Amino acid sequence: MTDYSQGDPRQSASHAAPHSAYPPPPAYPPASPPAAHRRPRRPVALIVAVAVAAALVGGGASALVRELTGDRTAPAGGNGVTGTNVSRSGTGTVAGVARAVSPSIVEISATTGNGKSTGSGVIITADGEIVTNNHVVAGASEVTVRLSDGKTYTAEVVGTDPGKDLALIKLRGASGLKAATLGDSGTVRVGDEVVAIGSPEGLTGTVTSGIVSALDRDVTVSKEEDRGQRQQADPDQGWPFEYGGQRFNGDTGDSRTTYKAIQTDASLNPGNSGGALINMNGEIIGINSAMYSPSSATGSTAGSVGLGFAIPIDTVKADLDALRSGSGAAS
């Protein structure tokens, strides 16, 4: 008889402790729970320094702090950046001013007993009122006007003011024209940028630019009607005038008048008379009236040397009612 008191050896083998046959598994430390939505660390010292600077200088440094910390939220309140306003009107540059105002500038041809003279003018109403210099149309028997688009009209002289060298003419049968915006010459400052548009030597729509060189220059011009013929006889020189006790561009004659003018270094040449001096907002601030040309200059050396003068537009506006009535204000 077999003795099973010690148990079946097969059973003993099958019930042997597991560690007797396999090495125990390695022990690992418990894993740390995952951090939820941990923010990346920022250089605290830098942020503190910038925050201090922000407290000292205001919004600019505050914007830098927002950039470093990733905060893109726009700041609340009214602490906007102050500075120069940007023009949204299409002007503000020479090209923008030229584009906006050129349709309001015309070329004027005046026929007198001694020939023709050429000048410029500024449209001030949609039905064809045009401001120009008295010396452009003085003594004219016929006035022809050419617009920037090439259309031509005849015009009549409505009123003149030789004392201010101003005249008002009116196109016949015109409508729907683009009138210029008249500005405020009282706000003009020395150094302001300006644009001049006119028809020097018959070159319609010529644009030049410069600055306001001086204000309230005493400019003296002739009141005689034959000044137009004298200018036509010497096209290399501008309209005769005097300032600072000196005479330029010829003899002003015995009958003279003096007015306060804006001085500019924008290039003006014979034919610019009656054209526009314009600020960078596209507003007319003066009517170009006189320019200095060296008496010894001839040929290619003749013309502007950066001494031009314009009648302030406030003078023009104050004279308009009198010009419309058929005469000028008392000089």
Protein backbone atom coordinates (compact mmCIF):
# COMPACT_ATOMS: atom_id res chain seq x y z
CA MET A 1 0.00 0.00 0.00
CA THR A 2 1.26 3.32 -0.91
CA ASP A 3 1.69 5.85 1.86
CA TYR A 4 0.11 9.24 1.00
CA SER A 5 0.72 10.66 4.45
CA GLN A 6 3.45 12.97 3.06
CA GLY A 7 1.25 14.01 0.20
CA ASP A 8 1.53 13.42 -3.47
CA PRO A 9 4.85 14.78 -4.64
CA ARG A 10 3.16 16.11 -7.78
CA GLN A 11 0.78 18.04 -5.61
CA SER A 12 3.70 19.39 -3.61
CA ALA A 13 5.42 20.60 -6.75
CA SER A 14 2.29 22.23 -8.08
CA HIS A 15 1.72 24.07 -4.77
CA ALA A 16 5.26 25.30 -4.35
CA ALA A 17 5.54 28.96 -3.42
CA PRO A 18 5.89 31.16 -6.48
CA HIS A 19 9.06 32.82 -5.16
CA SER A 20 10.79 29.51 -5.15
CA ALA A 21 10.53 29.36 -8.98
CA TYR A 22 10.66 33.13 -10.16
CA PRO A 23 12.43 36.23 -8.89
CA PRO A 24 10.15 38.80 -7.29
CA PRO A 25 9.10 41.81 -9.45
CA PRO A 26 11.11 45.03 -8.83
CA ALA A 27 9.53 47.55 -6.47
CA TYR A 28 8.73 51.00 -8.03
CA PRO A 29 7.91 54.12 -6.06
CA PRO A 30 4.33 55.25 -6.42
CA ALA A 31 3.84 57.60 -9.39
CA SER A 32 3.03 61.23 -8.67
CA PRO A 33 -0.42 62.28 -9.85
CA PRO A 34 -0.29 64.41 -13.04
CA ALA A 35 -0.29 68.16 -12.41
CA ALA A 36 -3.44 69.70 -13.80
CA HIS A 37 -2.95 72.70 -16.17
CA ARG A 38 0.41 73.71 -14.78
CA ARG A 39 1.47 77.20 -16.11
CA PRO A 40 5.02 77.55 -17.38
CA ARG A 41 7.26 79.37 -15.00
CA ARG A 42 8.08 82.97 -15.82
CA PRO A 43 11.18 84.91 -14.87
CA VAL A 44 9.78 86.43 -11.74
CA ALA A 45 12.55 88.97 -11.29
CA LEU A 46 12.07 90.29 -14.81
CA ILE A 47 8.31 90.59 -14.44
CA VAL A 48 8.68 92.40 -11.12
CA ALA A 49 11.17 94.83 -12.64
CA VAL A 50 8.92 95.52 -15.58
CA ALA A 51 5.94 95.95 -13.30
CA VAL A 52 7.86 98.58 -11.34
CA ALA A 53 8.73 100.35 -14.58
CA ALA A 54 5.08 100.18 -15.60
CA ALA A 55 4.09 101.92 -12.40
CA LEU A 56 6.56 104.67 -13.23
CA VAL A 57 5.93 105.30 -16.92
CA GLY A 58 2.37 104.15 -17.44
CA GLY A 59 0.71 102.41 -20.35
CA GLY A 60 3.75 101.69 -22.53
CA ALA A 61 5.45 99.44 -19.98
CA SER A 62 2.13 97.91 -19.00
CA ALA A 63 1.79 96.72 -22.57
CA LEU A 64 5.23 95.11 -22.27
CA VAL A 65 4.18 93.27 -19.10
CA ARG A 66 1.12 91.91 -20.91
CA GLU A 67 3.37 90.72 -23.72
CA LEU A 68 5.76 88.91 -21.35
CA THR A 69 3.01 87.27 -19.36
CA GLY A 70 0.95 86.27 -22.36
CA ASP A 71 -1.95 88.50 -21.43
CA ARG A 72 -3.32 89.80 -24.76
CA THR A 73 -6.41 91.43 -23.30
CA ALA A 74 -6.81 95.03 -24.40
CA PRO A 75 -6.44 97.52 -21.56
CA ALA A 76 -9.61 98.98 -20.21
CA GLY A 77 -10.28 102.64 -19.70
CA GLY A 78 -9.33 105.72 -21.68
CA ASN A 79 -5.52 105.62 -21.44
CA GLY A 80 -5.02 105.71 -25.21
CA VAL A 81 -1.73 106.68 -26.79
CA THR A 82 -1.60 110.37 -27.64
CA GLY A 83 0.27 111.87 -30.58
CA THR A 84 -0.11 113.13 -34.11
CA ASN A 85 -3.45 112.37 -35.73
CA VAL A 86 -3.28 110.45 -39.00
CA SER A 87 -5.15 111.99 -41.91
CA ARG A 88 -7.97 109.80 -43.22
CA SER A 89 -9.09 112.16 -45.97
CA GLY A 90 -6.62 111.16 -48.69
CA THR A 91 -4.63 114.37 -48.24
CA GLY A 92 -1.71 114.78 -45.89
CA THR A 93 0.87 114.18 -48.63
CA VAL A 94 1.84 116.24 -51.65
CA ALA A 95 0.34 113.58 -53.91
CA GLY A 96 -2.87 113.49 -51.87
CA VAL A 97 -3.23 117.27 -51.91
CA ALA A 98 -2.54 117.43 -55.64
CA ARG A 99 -5.13 114.74 -56.36
CA ALA A 100 -7.76 116.43 -54.20
CA VAL A 101 -7.27 120.06 -55.24
CA SER A 102 -6.05 120.02 -58.86
CA PRO A 103 -9.60 119.81 -60.30
CA SER A 104 -10.31 123.20 -58.64
CA ILE A 105 -7.33 125.02 -60.23
CA VAL A 106 -7.63 126.57 -63.70
CA GLU A 107 -5.50 128.27 -66.33
CA ILE A 108 -6.58 131.78 -67.35
CA SER A 109 -5.73 133.44 -70.66
CA ALA A 110 -6.48 137.18 -70.86
CA THR A 111 -6.50 139.01 -74.17
CA THR A 112 -5.57 142.69 -74.07
CA GLY A 113 -4.80 145.28 -76.69
CA ASN A 114 -1.14 144.26 -76.62
CA GLY A 115 -1.52 140.49 -76.73
CA LYS A 116 -2.23 137.71 -74.25
CA SER A 117 -1.10 137.01 -70.72
CA THR A 118 -1.46 133.76 -68.80
CA GLY A 119 -2.23 133.16 -65.16
CA SER A 120 -4.09 130.83 -62.85
CA GLY A 121 -7.27 130.82 -60.77
CA VAL A 122 -9.14 128.92 -58.05
CA ILE A 123 -12.75 127.69 -58.47
CA ILE A 124 -14.76 128.65 -55.38
CA THR A 125 -18.33 127.71 -56.47
CA ALA A 126 -19.78 124.84 -58.46
CA ASP A 127 -21.25 127.25 -61.05
CA GLY A 128 -17.88 128.74 -61.93
CA GLU A 129 -16.87 131.62 -59.68
CA ILE A 130 -13.07 131.89 -59.81
CA VAL A 131 -10.69 133.95 -57.68
CA THR A 132 -7.49 135.21 -59.31
CA ASN A 133 -5.13 138.21 -59.19
CA ASN A 134 -6.19 141.55 -60.53
CA HIS A 135 -3.02 141.76 -62.58
CA VAL A 136 -3.94 138.54 -64.42
CA VAL A 137 -7.12 140.01 -65.93
CA ALA A 138 -6.42 143.77 -65.71
CA GLY A 139 -7.47 145.52 -68.93
CA ALA A 140 -8.62 142.26 -70.57
CA SER A 141 -11.12 142.42 -73.41
CA GLU A 142 -11.59 138.64 -73.40
CA VAL A 143 -10.93 135.97 -70.77
CA THR A 144 -10.68 132.24 -71.54
CA VAL A 145 -10.42 129.56 -68.85
CA ARG A 146 -9.20 125.99 -69.22
CA LEU A 147 -10.09 123.42 -66.55
CA SER A 148 -7.86 120.59 -65.36
CA ASP A 149 -9.80 118.14 -67.58
CA GLY A 150 -9.12 120.24 -70.69
CA LYS A 151 -12.57 121.83 -71.05
CA THR A 152 -12.53 125.52 -71.93
CA TYR A 153 -14.98 128.31 -71.08
CA THR A 154 -15.23 132.00 -71.68
CA ALA A 155 -15.52 134.14 -68.57
CA GLU A 156 -16.54 137.60 -67.57
CA VAL A 157 -14.80 139.77 -65.00
CA VAL A 158 -17.28 140.28 -62.15
CA GLY A 159 -15.25 142.52 -59.86
CA THR A 160 -11.68 143.64 -59.20
CA ASP A 161 -9.81 145.05 -56.23
CA PRO A 162 -6.50 146.53 -57.43
CA GLY A 163 -5.72 147.53 -53.84
CA LYS A 164 -5.46 143.87 -52.85
CA ASP A 165 -4.50 142.56 -56.29
CA LEU A 166 -7.65 140.40 -56.35
CA ALA A 167 -10.29 139.73 -58.99
CA LEU A 168 -13.38 137.56 -59.32
CA ILE A 169 -14.39 136.10 -62.69
CA LYS A 170 -17.36 133.89 -63.62
CA LEU A 171 -17.50 131.13 -66.24
CA ARG A 172 -20.36 131.25 -68.72
CA GLY A 173 -22.59 128.17 -68.75
CA ALA A 174 -20.66 126.15 -66.19
CA SER A 175 -22.14 123.84 -63.55
CA GLY A 176 -21.14 120.91 -61.40
CA LEU A 177 -17.56 122.07 -60.96
CA LYS A 178 -15.45 121.03 -57.99
CA ALA A 179 -15.04 124.03 -55.69
CA ALA A 180 -11.93 124.35 -53.56
CA THR A 181 -12.16 124.42 -49.77
CA LEU A 182 -11.08 127.78 -48.37
CA GLY A 183 -9.03 127.40 -45.20
CA ASP A 184 -8.00 129.74 -42.39
CA SER A 185 -4.79 131.63 -43.02
CA GLY A 186 -4.87 132.88 -39.42
CA THR A 187 -3.75 129.44 -38.26
CA VAL A 188 -0.79 129.21 -40.63
CA ARG A 189 2.62 128.96 -38.96
CA VAL A 190 6.14 129.46 -40.22
CA GLY A 191 7.50 126.05 -41.21
CA ASP A 192 4.12 124.57 -42.21
CA GLU A 193 4.30 122.40 -45.31
CA VAL A 194 2.45 123.79 -48.33
CA VAL A 195 1.66 122.87 -51.94
CA ALA A 196 1.34 125.32 -54.84
CA ILE A 197 -0.71 124.52 -57.96
CA GLY A 198 -0.93 126.72 -61.04
CA SER A 199 -0.02 127.11 -64.70
CA PRO A 200 3.52 128.55 -64.92
CA GLU A 201 4.50 129.31 -68.52
CA GLY A 202 1.17 127.76 -69.60
CA LEU A 203 1.97 124.35 -68.07
CA THR A 204 -1.48 123.65 -66.68
CA GLY A 205 -1.76 121.91 -63.31
CA THR A 206 1.89 122.18 -62.28
CA VAL A 207 2.41 121.09 -58.66
CA THR A 208 5.28 122.27 -56.44
CA SER A 209 5.80 122.07 -52.69
CA GLY A 210 7.70 123.73 -49.88
CA ILE A 211 7.10 125.42 -46.56
CA VAL A 212 5.81 128.71 -45.22
CA SER A 213 8.97 130.82 -44.96
CA ALA A 214 7.51 133.90 -43.28
CA LEU A 215 4.25 135.66 -42.50
CA ASP A 216 2.99 139.24 -42.86
CA ARG A 217 5.48 140.31 -45.50
CA ASP A 218 4.70 143.79 -46.83
CA VAL A 219 4.47 143.27 -50.60
CA THR A 220 3.89 146.26 -52.88
CA VAL A 221 2.48 145.85 -56.38
CA SER A 222 1.24 148.15 -59.11
CA LYS A 223 -2.44 149.08 -59.42
CA GLU A 224 -2.09 150.08 -63.07
CA GLU A 225 -4.01 148.06 -65.65
CA ASP A 226 -1.09 148.02 -68.09
CA ARG A 227 1.00 145.88 -65.73
CA GLY A 228 -0.32 142.79 -67.54
CA GLN A 229 1.14 143.92 -70.86
CA ARG A 230 4.51 144.68 -69.24
CA GLN A 231 4.68 141.21 -67.69
CA GLN A 232 3.80 139.61 -71.02
CA ALA A 233 6.63 141.53 -72.70
CA ASP A 234 9.20 139.99 -70.32
CA PRO A 235 8.17 136.38 -69.68
CA ASP A 236 11.45 135.50 -67.93
CA GLN A 237 10.51 137.71 -65.00
CA GLY A 238 7.56 137.61 -62.66
CA TRP A 239 5.07 140.29 -61.78
CA PRO A 240 6.89 143.50 -60.67
CA PHE A 241 6.69 144.01 -56.91
CA GLU A 242 8.53 145.53 -53.97
CA TYR A 243 9.25 144.36 -50.45
CA GLY A 244 11.75 145.30 -47.79
CA GLY A 245 12.39 148.62 -49.52
CA GLN A 246 13.67 146.87 -52.66
CA ARG A 247 12.18 146.59 -56.14
CA PHE A 248 12.09 143.26 -58.02
CA ASN A 249 11.12 142.09 -61.50
CA GLY A 250 10.82 145.57 -62.99
CA ASP A 251 9.15 148.89 -62.33
CA THR A 252 5.96 148.88 -60.29
CA GLY A 253 5.00 152.32 -61.60
CA ASP A 254 3.58 155.29 -59.74
CA SER A 255 0.26 153.81 -58.62
CA ARG A 256 1.06 151.14 -56.03
CA THR A 257 -0.63 149.24 -53.22
CA THR A 258 0.80 147.21 -50.31
CA TYR A 259 -0.68 144.10 -48.71
CA LYS A 260 0.43 141.53 -46.13
CA ALA A 261 1.58 138.30 -47.77
CA ILE A 262 2.57 134.75 -46.89
CA GLN A 263 6.12 134.01 -48.02
CA THR A 264 6.89 130.51 -49.31
CA ASP A 265 9.81 128.65 -50.85
CA ALA A 266 7.44 126.53 -52.99
CA SER A 267 8.51 127.16 -56.57
CA LEU A 268 6.47 129.92 -58.25
CA ASN A 269 7.06 131.12 -61.80
CA PRO A 270 5.35 133.52 -64.22
CA GLY A 271 1.86 132.10 -64.78
CA ASN A 272 1.47 130.89 -61.18
CA SER A 273 -0.19 134.22 -60.34
CA GLY A 274 -3.75 133.66 -59.16
CA GLY A 275 -3.15 129.99 -58.35
CA ALA A 276 -3.44 128.27 -55.00
CA LEU A 277 -1.20 127.90 -51.98
CA ILE A 278 -2.59 124.91 -50.09
CA ASN A 279 -2.03 123.36 -46.67
CA MET A 280 -1.63 119.61 -46.14
CA ASN A 281 -5.35 119.23 -45.36
CA GLY A 282 -6.15 120.31 -48.92
CA GLU A 283 -7.42 123.76 -47.90
CA ILE A 284 -6.57 126.96 -49.77
CA ILE A 285 -4.59 129.27 -47.48
CA GLY A 286 -3.42 131.81 -50.06
CA ILE A 287 -3.61 133.08 -53.65
CA ASN A 288 -0.14 133.14 -55.19
CA SER A 289 0.63 136.63 -56.41
CA ALA A 290 4.33 137.45 -56.75
CA MET A 291 7.73 135.79 -57.13
CA TYR A 292 11.28 137.01 -57.21
CA SER A 293 13.48 136.24 -60.20
CA PRO A 294 17.03 137.60 -60.46
CA SER A 295 17.11 140.42 -63.02
CA SER A 296 20.28 138.98 -64.50
CA ALA A 297 18.83 135.48 -64.98
CA THR A 298 18.09 134.37 -68.53
CA GLY A 299 17.10 131.15 -70.20
CA SER A 300 17.35 128.07 -67.97
CA THR A 301 18.57 130.09 -64.98
CA ALA A 302 15.47 132.27 -64.89
CA GLY A 303 12.53 131.49 -62.66
CA SER A 304 11.94 130.70 -59.01
CA VAL A 305 14.70 131.03 -56.45
CA GLY A 306 12.46 130.15 -53.51
CA LEU A 307 11.02 133.61 -52.82
CA GLY A 308 7.30 133.52 -53.53
CA PHE A 309 4.38 135.41 -52.00
CA ALA A 310 0.68 134.70 -51.61
CA ILE A 311 -2.31 136.80 -50.54
CA PRO A 312 -3.75 135.23 -47.35
CA ILE A 313 -7.08 133.52 -47.95
CA ASP A 314 -8.65 135.41 -45.03
CA THR A 315 -8.07 138.60 -47.04
CA VAL A 316 -9.82 136.99 -50.01
CA LYS A 317 -12.82 135.84 -47.96
CA ALA A 318 -13.25 139.30 -46.46
CA ASP A 319 -13.28 140.80 -49.97
CA LEU A 320 -15.66 138.35 -51.67
CA ASP A 321 -18.90 140.25 -51.10
CA ALA A 322 -17.42 143.40 -52.54
CA LEU A 323 -16.01 141.52 -55.56
CA ARG A 324 -19.40 139.89 -56.17
CA SER A 325 -21.07 143.27 -56.13
CA GLY A 326 -18.98 144.32 -59.10
CA SER A 327 -16.13 146.10 -57.38
CA GLY A 328 -13.50 145.56 -54.74
CA ALA A 329 -13.26 146.75 -51.18
CA ALA A 330 -11.91 150.21 -50.63
CA SER A 331 -8.13 150.17 -50.67
